[in-house]
Amino acid sequence: MLIFPAIDLYEGKAVRLYKGDYNQMTVYHHDPVAVARDFVRAGATHVHLVDLEGARDGNTPNLDTVSRIKAECGLFCEIGGGIRSMEVIDRYMAAGLDRVILGTAAVNDPDFLAEAVAKYGARIAVGVDIKDGMVAIKGWVEKSTEDALGFCEKMQRLGVKTLICTDISRDGAMRGANHALYRELSTRFAMQIVASGGVSSMADVGALADMGLYGAIVGKAYYTGAIDLAAAIKEANR
């Protein structure tokens, strides 16, 4: 299983939100590129990037920062947050990003999603952010009318290869990952499933790896020291 340490970006800083609440933000580092270099030193090969301003507003204010992370650190970089047009996807791809994650747009504009998958194939992932069993959109501030599992079935039919699934109730709460959810997703779908939200201990890492998941995102637990990244990478590949 791959470990994706996360960098959430806001105004050029590495931050974390509590349950997606922009009013509960902690700044962990003023230089996200330095954070990515630390990931490399710990043995990481992949990084999960989120432009929180983009997720809320639909633009790309942190493009320069993510471009530097890719250019200077050499990690496999996936990026999400406010990606709602082919122009934005093309911009990220031109900057060398390896995979782009569609969230709100995948829910609201299935034709756009189909166009993106047709053009970039496996380089397009879909973020399924779950709140009370429904898919949340617009930086988690709104709930859509899409049932989460039904939406995942749609994504598989459309040819999406990678799903990044977040249980919002667990994100940043240090309560552990929703193992039952990821077990169901991994057995029900043939897509690559990435667990996100609440991965807060080595026990979480081991349990998710035992399910045969493609990947797990480690966010707040890394920044607080609850998970040692090098140890998590080793555990995920035991």
C-alpha atoms as a PDB file:
ATOM      1  CA  MET A   1       0.000   0.000   0.000  1.00  0.00           C
ATOM      2  CA  LEU A   2       1.201   3.469  -0.848  1.00  0.00           C
ATOM      3  CA  ILE A   3       1.407   6.141   1.824  1.00  0.00           C
ATOM      4  CA  PHE A   4       0.454   9.620   0.627  1.00  0.00           C
ATOM      5  CA  PRO A   5       1.573  12.232   3.163  1.00  0.00           C
ATOM      6  CA  ALA A   6      -0.631  15.279   2.681  1.00  0.00           C
ATOM      7  CA  ILE A   7       0.020  18.965   2.286  1.00  0.00           C
ATOM      8  CA  ASP A   8      -3.062  21.145   2.448  1.00  0.00           C
ATOM      9  CA  LEU A   9      -2.296  24.581   1.046  1.00  0.00           C
ATOM     10  CA  TYR A  10      -3.763  27.922   2.064  1.00  0.00           C
ATOM     11  CA  GLU A  11      -2.131  31.229   1.185  1.00  0.00           C
ATOM     12  CA  GLY A  12       1.126  29.406   0.403  1.00  0.00           C
ATOM     13  CA  LYS A  13       1.306  27.680   3.794  1.00  0.00           C
ATOM     14  CA  ALA A  14       0.909  24.052   4.879  1.00  0.00           C
ATOM     15  CA  VAL A  15      -2.223  23.929   7.041  1.00  0.00           C
ATOM     16  CA  ARG A  16      -4.823  21.496   8.349  1.00  0.00           C
ATOM     17  CA  LEU A  17      -8.534  21.984   8.834  1.00  0.00           C
ATOM     18  CA  TYR A  18     -10.678  20.264  11.455  1.00  0.00           C
ATOM     19  CA  LYS A  19     -13.499  18.366   9.691  1.00  0.00           C
ATOM     20  CA  GLY A  20     -13.155  20.670   6.691  1.00  0.00           C
ATOM     21  CA  ASP A  21     -13.966  23.807   8.692  1.00  0.00           C
ATOM     22  CA  TYR A  22     -12.074  26.840   7.381  1.00  0.00           C
ATOM     23  CA  ASN A  23     -12.643  28.550  10.733  1.00  0.00           C
ATOM     24  CA  GLN A  24     -10.710  25.766  12.486  1.00  0.00           C
ATOM     25  CA  MET A  25      -7.384  25.993  10.675  1.00  0.00           C
ATOM     26  CA  THR A  26      -3.930  25.231  12.041  1.00  0.00           C
ATOM     27  CA  VAL A  27      -0.821  26.466  10.214  1.00  0.00           C
ATOM     28  CA  TYR A  28       1.874  23.783  10.452  1.00  0.00           C
ATOM     29  CA  HIS A  29       4.573  25.210   8.200  1.00  0.00           C
ATOM     30  CA  HIS A  30       5.179  28.391   6.216  1.00  0.00           C
ATOM     31  CA  ASP A  31       7.198  26.535   3.527  1.00  0.00           C
ATOM     32  CA  PRO A  32       5.341  23.581   1.956  1.00  0.00           C
ATOM     33  CA  VAL A  33       8.338  22.758  -0.244  1.00  0.00           C
ATOM     34  CA  ALA A  34      10.416  22.152   2.886  1.00  0.00           C
ATOM     35  CA  VAL A  35       7.660  19.859   4.164  1.00  0.00           C
ATOM     36  CA  ALA A  36       7.801  17.868   0.917  1.00  0.00           C
ATOM     37  CA  ARG A  37      11.578  17.561   1.251  1.00  0.00           C
ATOM     38  CA  ASP A  38      11.032  16.079   4.721  1.00  0.00           C
ATOM     39  CA  PHE A  39       8.669  13.543   3.143  1.00  0.00           C
ATOM     40  CA  VAL A  40      11.385  12.510   0.695  1.00  0.00           C
ATOM     41  CA  ARG A  41      13.903  12.096   3.523  1.00  0.00           C
ATOM     42  CA  ALA A  42      11.431   9.791   5.287  1.00  0.00           C
ATOM     43  CA  GLY A  43      11.221   7.588   2.195  1.00  0.00           C
ATOM     44  CA  ALA A  44       7.968   8.854   0.654  1.00  0.00           C
ATOM     45  CA  THR A  45       7.500   8.504  -3.084  1.00  0.00           C
ATOM     46  CA  HIS A  46       4.041  10.098  -3.356  1.00  0.00           C
ATOM     47  CA  VAL A  47       2.383  13.241  -2.007  1.00  0.00           C
ATOM     48  CA  HIS A  48      -1.254  14.311  -1.808  1.00  0.00           C
ATOM     49  CA  LEU A  49      -1.758  18.033  -2.355  1.00  0.00           C
ATOM     50  CA  VAL A  50      -4.940  20.020  -1.743  1.00  0.00           C
ATOM     51  CA  ASP A  51      -5.459  23.650  -2.669  1.00  0.00           C
ATOM     52  CA  LEU A  52      -7.966  24.662  -0.004  1.00  0.00           C
ATOM     53  CA  GLU A  53      -8.548  28.067  -1.533  1.00  0.00           C
ATOM     54  CA  GLY A  54      -9.175  26.379  -4.859  1.00  0.00           C
ATOM     55  CA  ALA A  55     -11.598  23.919  -3.254  1.00  0.00           C
ATOM     56  CA  ARG A  56     -13.618  26.784  -1.842  1.00  0.00           C
ATOM     57  CA  ASP A  57     -13.343  29.307  -4.680  1.00  0.00           C
ATOM     58  CA  GLY A  58     -12.615  27.266  -7.826  1.00  0.00           C
ATOM     59  CA  ASN A  59      -9.287  28.826  -8.820  1.00  0.00           C
ATOM     60  CA  THR A  60      -5.551  27.896  -8.580  1.00  0.00           C
ATOM     61  CA  PRO A  61      -3.856  30.365  -6.213  1.00  0.00           C
ATOM     62  CA  ASN A  62      -1.239  27.834  -5.063  1.00  0.00           C
ATOM     63  CA  LEU A  63      -0.121  26.661  -8.512  1.00  0.00           C
ATOM     64  CA  ASP A  64       3.385  28.078  -8.089  1.00  0.00           C
ATOM     65  CA  THR A  65       3.835  26.227  -4.796  1.00  0.00           C
ATOM     66  CA  VAL A  66       2.699  22.850  -6.140  1.00  0.00           C
ATOM     67  CA  SER A  67       4.852  23.326  -9.252  1.00  0.00           C
ATOM     68  CA  ARG A  68       7.889  23.888  -7.021  1.00  0.00           C
ATOM     69  CA  ILE A  69       7.102  20.784  -4.960  1.00  0.00           C
ATOM     70  CA  LYS A  70       7.025  18.682  -8.127  1.00  0.00           C
ATOM     71  CA  ALA A  71      10.112  20.270  -9.686  1.00  0.00           C
ATOM     72  CA  GLU A  72      12.286  20.326  -6.574  1.00  0.00           C
ATOM     73  CA  CYS A  73      11.262  17.126  -4.772  1.00  0.00           C
ATOM     74  CA  GLY A  74      10.540  14.647  -7.572  1.00  0.00           C
ATOM     75  CA  LEU A  75       7.592  13.047  -5.803  1.00  0.00           C
ATOM     76  CA  PHE A  76       4.556  11.604  -7.552  1.00  0.00           C
ATOM     77  CA  CYS A  77       2.187  14.535  -7.036  1.00  0.00           C
ATOM     78  CA  GLU A  78      -1.576  14.387  -7.065  1.00  0.00           C
ATOM     79  CA  ILE A  79      -3.536  17.608  -6.648  1.00  0.00           C
ATOM     80  CA  GLY A  80      -7.138  18.385  -5.775  1.00  0.00           C
ATOM     81  CA  GLY A  81      -9.171  21.430  -4.920  1.00  0.00           C
ATOM     82  CA  GLY A  82     -11.415  23.486  -7.167  1.00  0.00           C
ATOM     83  CA  ILE A  83     -10.584  21.755 -10.452  1.00  0.00           C
ATOM     84  CA  ARG A  84     -13.671  22.452 -12.547  1.00  0.00           C
ATOM     85  CA  SER A  85     -12.427  23.072 -16.089  1.00  0.00           C
ATOM     86  CA  MET A  86     -10.178  21.471 -18.689  1.00  0.00           C
ATOM     87  CA  GLU A  87      -8.108  24.661 -18.649  1.00  0.00           C
ATOM     88  CA  VAL A  88      -7.199  24.088 -14.996  1.00  0.00           C
ATOM     89  CA  ILE A  89      -6.464  20.389 -15.586  1.00  0.00           C
ATOM     90  CA  ASP A  90      -4.241  21.256 -18.549  1.00  0.00           C
ATOM     91  CA  ARG A  91      -2.429  23.856 -16.412  1.00  0.00           C
ATOM     92  CA  TYR A  92      -1.638  21.319 -13.703  1.00  0.00           C
ATOM     93  CA  MET A  93      -0.571  18.678 -16.212  1.00  0.00           C
ATOM     94  CA  ALA A  94       1.674  21.187 -17.980  1.00  0.00           C
ATOM     95  CA  ALA A  95       3.280  21.967 -14.607  1.00  0.00           C
ATOM     96  CA  GLY A  96       4.242  18.294 -14.299  1.00  0.00           C
ATOM     97  CA  LEU A  97       1.617  17.108 -11.815  1.00  0.00           C
ATOM     98  CA  ASP A  98       1.037  13.370 -12.115  1.00  0.00           C
ATOM     99  CA  ARG A  99      -2.628  13.073 -11.206  1.00  0.00           C
ATOM    100  CA  VAL A 100      -5.514  15.517 -10.870  1.00  0.00           C
ATOM    101  CA  ILE A 101      -8.416  14.900  -8.496  1.00  0.00           C
ATOM    102  CA  LEU A 102     -11.926  16.020  -9.394  1.00  0.00           C
ATOM    103  CA  GLY A 103     -14.424  16.449  -6.590  1.00  0.00           C
ATOM    104  CA  THR A 104     -17.260  18.957  -6.959  1.00  0.00           C
ATOM    105  CA  ALA A 105     -16.982  18.869 -10.749  1.00  0.00           C
ATOM    106  CA  ALA A 106     -17.305  15.084 -10.831  1.00  0.00           C
ATOM    107  CA  VAL A 107     -20.639  15.432  -9.057  1.00  0.00           C
ATOM    108  CA  ASN A 108     -22.020  18.488 -10.822  1.00  0.00           C
ATOM    109  CA  ASP A 109     -20.638  18.038 -14.328  1.00  0.00           C
ATOM    110  CA  PRO A 110     -20.416  14.390 -15.422  1.00  0.00           C
ATOM    111  CA  ASP A 111     -19.797  15.435 -19.044  1.00  0.00           C
ATOM    112  CA  PHE A 112     -16.684  17.324 -17.945  1.00  0.00           C
ATOM    113  CA  LEU A 113     -15.518  14.306 -15.961  1.00  0.00           C
ATOM    114  CA  ALA A 114     -16.008  12.055 -18.981  1.00  0.00           C
ATOM    115  CA  GLU A 115     -14.047  14.508 -21.154  1.00  0.00           C
ATOM    116  CA  ALA A 116     -11.202  14.605 -18.613  1.00  0.00           C
ATOM    117  CA  VAL A 117     -11.034  10.811 -18.353  1.00  0.00           C
ATOM    118  CA  ALA A 118     -11.097  10.501 -22.133  1.00  0.00           C
ATOM    119  CA  LYS A 119      -8.145  12.901 -22.439  1.00  0.00           C
ATOM    120  CA  TYR A 120      -5.994  11.886 -19.467  1.00  0.00           C
ATOM    121  CA  GLY A 121      -7.163   8.398 -18.496  1.00  0.00           C
ATOM    122  CA  ALA A 122      -5.706   7.109 -15.232  1.00  0.00           C
ATOM    123  CA  ARG A 123      -4.229  10.553 -14.473  1.00  0.00           C
ATOM    124  CA  ILE A 124      -7.732  11.632 -13.452  1.00  0.00           C
ATOM    125  CA  ALA A 125      -8.895  10.556  -9.988  1.00  0.00           C
ATOM    126  CA  VAL A 126     -12.157  11.343  -8.238  1.00  0.00           C
ATOM    127  CA  GLY A 127     -12.421  12.494  -4.657  1.00  0.00           C
ATOM    128  CA  VAL A 128     -15.479  11.121  -2.869  1.00  0.00           C
ATOM    129  CA  ASP A 129     -15.953  13.150   0.286  1.00  0.00           C
ATOM    130  CA  ILE A 130     -18.649  11.598   2.446  1.00  0.00           C
ATOM    131  CA  LYS A 131     -20.829  13.440   4.943  1.00  0.00           C
ATOM    132  CA  ASP A 132     -23.743  11.542   6.534  1.00  0.00           C
ATOM    133  CA  GLY A 133     -23.665   8.989   3.722  1.00  0.00           C
ATOM    134  CA  MET A 134     -23.867  11.614   0.987  1.00  0.00           C
ATOM    135  CA  VAL A 135     -21.197  13.160  -1.253  1.00  0.00           C
ATOM    136  CA  ALA A 136     -20.096  16.610  -0.057  1.00  0.00           C
ATOM    137  CA  ILE A 137     -18.989  19.323  -2.479  1.00  0.00           C
ATOM    138  CA  LYS A 138     -17.459  22.827  -2.630  1.00  0.00           C
ATOM    139  CA  GLY A 139     -14.755  22.282  -0.059  1.00  0.00           C
ATOM    140  CA  TRP A 140     -17.126  20.149   2.053  1.00  0.00           C
ATOM    141  CA  VAL A 141     -19.381  23.118   2.822  1.00  0.00           C
ATOM    142  CA  GLU A 142     -22.362  21.652   0.922  1.00  0.00           C
ATOM    143  CA  LYS A 143     -23.941  18.204   0.693  1.00  0.00           C
ATOM    144  CA  SER A 144     -25.004  16.995  -2.757  1.00  0.00           C
ATOM    145  CA  THR A 145     -27.973  14.731  -3.439  1.00  0.00           C
ATOM    146  CA  GLU A 146     -25.637  11.874  -4.444  1.00  0.00           C
ATOM    147  CA  ASP A 147     -25.585   8.738  -2.285  1.00  0.00           C
ATOM    148  CA  ALA A 148     -21.914   7.923  -1.731  1.00  0.00           C
ATOM    149  CA  LEU A 149     -21.941   4.261  -2.783  1.00  0.00           C
ATOM    150  CA  GLY A 150     -24.194   4.906  -5.740  1.00  0.00           C
ATOM    151  CA  PHE A 151     -21.843   7.661  -6.847  1.00  0.00           C
ATOM    152  CA  CYS A 152     -18.870   5.291  -6.612  1.00  0.00           C
ATOM    153  CA  GLU A 153     -20.700   2.841  -8.871  1.00  0.00           C
ATOM    154  CA  LYS A 154     -21.203   5.647 -11.416  1.00  0.00           C
ATOM    155  CA  MET A 155     -17.495   6.465 -11.308  1.00  0.00           C
ATOM    156  CA  GLN A 156     -16.549   2.863 -12.023  1.00  0.00           C
ATOM    157  CA  ARG A 157     -18.913   2.760 -15.017  1.00  0.00           C
ATOM    158  CA  LEU A 158     -17.352   5.969 -16.348  1.00  0.00           C
ATOM    159  CA  GLY A 159     -13.903   4.387 -16.323  1.00  0.00           C
ATOM    160  CA  VAL A 160     -12.403   6.212 -13.336  1.00  0.00           C
ATOM    161  CA  LYS A 161      -9.400   4.233 -12.063  1.00  0.00           C
ATOM    162  CA  THR A 162      -8.702   5.856  -8.679  1.00  0.00           C
ATOM    163  CA  LEU A 163     -11.081   6.945  -5.897  1.00  0.00           C
ATOM    164  CA  ILE A 164      -9.876   9.019  -2.970  1.00  0.00           C
ATOM    165  CA  CYS A 165     -12.499   8.538  -0.309  1.00  0.00           C
ATOM    166  CA  THR A 166     -12.733  10.775   2.744  1.00  0.00           C
ATOM    167  CA  ASP A 167     -14.991  10.289   5.735  1.00  0.00           C
ATOM    168  CA  ILE A 168     -15.333  13.958   6.695  1.00  0.00           C
ATOM    169  CA  SER A 169     -16.415  13.097  10.242  1.00  0.00           C
ATOM    170  CA  ARG A 170     -13.004  11.506  10.828  1.00  0.00           C
ATOM    171  CA  ASP A 171     -10.824  14.076   9.008  1.00  0.00           C
ATOM    172  CA  GLY A 172      -8.425  15.819  11.365  1.00  0.00           C
ATOM    173  CA  ALA A 173     -10.265  14.383  14.366  1.00  0.00           C
ATOM    174  CA  MET A 174      -7.611  11.759  15.272  1.00  0.00           C
ATOM    175  CA  ARG A 175     -10.360   9.168  15.865  1.00  0.00           C
ATOM    176  CA  GLY A 176      -9.049   6.508  13.520  1.00  0.00           C
ATOM    177  CA  ALA A 177     -10.028   5.629   9.968  1.00  0.00           C
ATOM    178  CA  ASN A 178     -13.458   4.257   9.084  1.00  0.00           C
ATOM    179  CA  HIS A 179     -12.295   0.688   8.480  1.00  0.00           C
ATOM    180  CA  ALA A 180     -15.773  -0.625   7.685  1.00  0.00           C
ATOM    181  CA  LEU A 181     -16.192   1.936   4.904  1.00  0.00           C
ATOM    182  CA  TYR A 182     -12.871   1.114   3.263  1.00  0.00           C
ATOM    183  CA  ARG A 183     -13.441  -2.611   3.584  1.00  0.00           C
ATOM    184  CA  GLU A 184     -16.769  -2.242   1.782  1.00  0.00           C
ATOM    185  CA  LEU A 185     -15.291  -0.042  -0.944  1.00  0.00           C
ATOM    186  CA  SER A 186     -12.342  -2.364  -1.528  1.00  0.00           C
ATOM    187  CA  THR A 187     -14.536  -5.437  -1.868  1.00  0.00           C
ATOM    188  CA  ARG A 188     -17.288  -3.780  -3.893  1.00  0.00           C
ATOM    189  CA  PHE A 189     -15.273  -1.915  -6.508  1.00  0.00           C
ATOM    190  CA  ALA A 190     -12.377  -2.725  -8.840  1.00  0.00           C
ATOM    191  CA  MET A 191     -10.959   0.810  -8.689  1.00  0.00           C
ATOM    192  CA  GLN A 192      -7.841   1.824  -6.770  1.00  0.00           C
ATOM    193  CA  ILE A 193      -9.135   2.992  -3.379  1.00  0.00           C
ATOM    194  CA  VAL A 194      -7.231   5.571  -1.334  1.00  0.00           C
ATOM    195  CA  ALA A 195      -8.283   5.992   2.300  1.00  0.00           C
ATOM    196  CA  SER A 196      -8.395   9.555   3.561  1.00  0.00           C
ATOM    197  CA  GLY A 197      -9.568  11.064   6.809  1.00  0.00           C
ATOM    198  CA  GLY A 198      -8.747   9.815  10.284  1.00  0.00           C
ATOM    199  CA  VAL A 199      -5.648   7.725   9.531  1.00  0.00           C
ATOM    200  CA  SER A 200      -4.169   8.488  12.926  1.00  0.00           C
ATOM    201  CA  SER A 201      -2.142   5.498  14.150  1.00  0.00           C
ATOM    202  CA  MET A 202       0.132   2.716  13.022  1.00  0.00           C
ATOM    203  CA  ALA A 203      -2.768   0.345  13.738  1.00  0.00           C
ATOM    204  CA  ASP A 204      -4.793   2.221  11.115  1.00  0.00           C
ATOM    205  CA  VAL A 205      -1.974   1.888   8.595  1.00  0.00           C
ATOM    206  CA  GLY A 206      -1.616  -1.837   9.239  1.00  0.00           C
ATOM    207  CA  ALA A 207      -5.347  -2.510   9.062  1.00  0.00           C
ATOM    208  CA  LEU A 208      -5.764  -0.621   5.787  1.00  0.00           C
ATOM    209  CA  ALA A 209      -2.739  -2.337   4.277  1.00  0.00           C
ATOM    210  CA  ASP A 210      -4.183  -5.720   5.273  1.00  0.00           C
ATOM    211  CA  MET A 211      -7.334  -4.858   3.261  1.00  0.00           C
ATOM    212  CA  GLY A 212      -5.193  -4.542   0.171  1.00  0.00           C
ATOM    213  CA  LEU A 213      -6.028  -0.884  -0.376  1.00  0.00           C
ATOM    214  CA  TYR A 214      -4.062   0.970  -3.036  1.00  0.00           C
ATOM    215  CA  GLY A 215      -3.167   3.843  -0.730  1.00  0.00           C
ATOM    216  CA  ALA A 216      -3.748   5.810   2.462  1.00  0.00           C
ATOM    217  CA  ILE A 217      -3.384   9.532   3.061  1.00  0.00           C
ATOM    218  CA  VAL A 218      -1.664  10.619   6.255  1.00  0.00           C
ATOM    219  CA  GLY A 219      -2.331  14.203   7.247  1.00  0.00           C
ATOM    220  CA  LYS A 220      -2.734  15.593  10.753  1.00  0.00           C
ATOM    221  CA  ALA A 221      -1.214  12.495  12.365  1.00  0.00           C
ATOM    222  CA  TYR A 222       2.085  13.257  10.642  1.00  0.00           C
ATOM    223  CA  TYR A 223       2.119  16.894  11.694  1.00  0.00           C
ATOM    224  CA  THR A 224       1.308  16.128  15.335  1.00  0.00           C
ATOM    225  CA  GLY A 225       3.840  13.300  15.510  1.00  0.00           C
ATOM    226  CA  ALA A 226       1.221  10.606  16.098  1.00  0.00           C
ATOM    227  CA  ILE A 227       2.527   8.738  13.037  1.00  0.00           C
ATOM    228  CA  ASP A 228       6.186   8.490  12.086  1.00  0.00           C
ATOM    229  CA  LEU A 229       6.184   8.674   8.293  1.00  0.00           C
ATOM    230  CA  ALA A 230       9.171   6.380   7.742  1.00  0.00           C
ATOM    231  CA  ALA A 231       7.634   3.754  10.041  1.00  0.00           C
ATOM    232  CA  ALA A 232       4.247   4.082   8.316  1.00  0.00           C
ATOM    233  CA  ILE A 233       5.815   3.524   4.902  1.00  0.00           C
ATOM    234  CA  LYS A 234       7.575   0.422   6.226  1.00  0.00           C
ATOM    235  CA  GLU A 235       4.360  -0.885   7.821  1.00  0.00           C
ATOM    236  CA  ALA A 236       2.371  -0.309   4.621  1.00  0.00           C
ATOM    237  CA  ASN A 237       4.826  -2.453   2.681  1.00  0.00           C
ATOM    238  CA  ARG A 238       5.470  -5.273   5.133  1.00  0.00           C
END
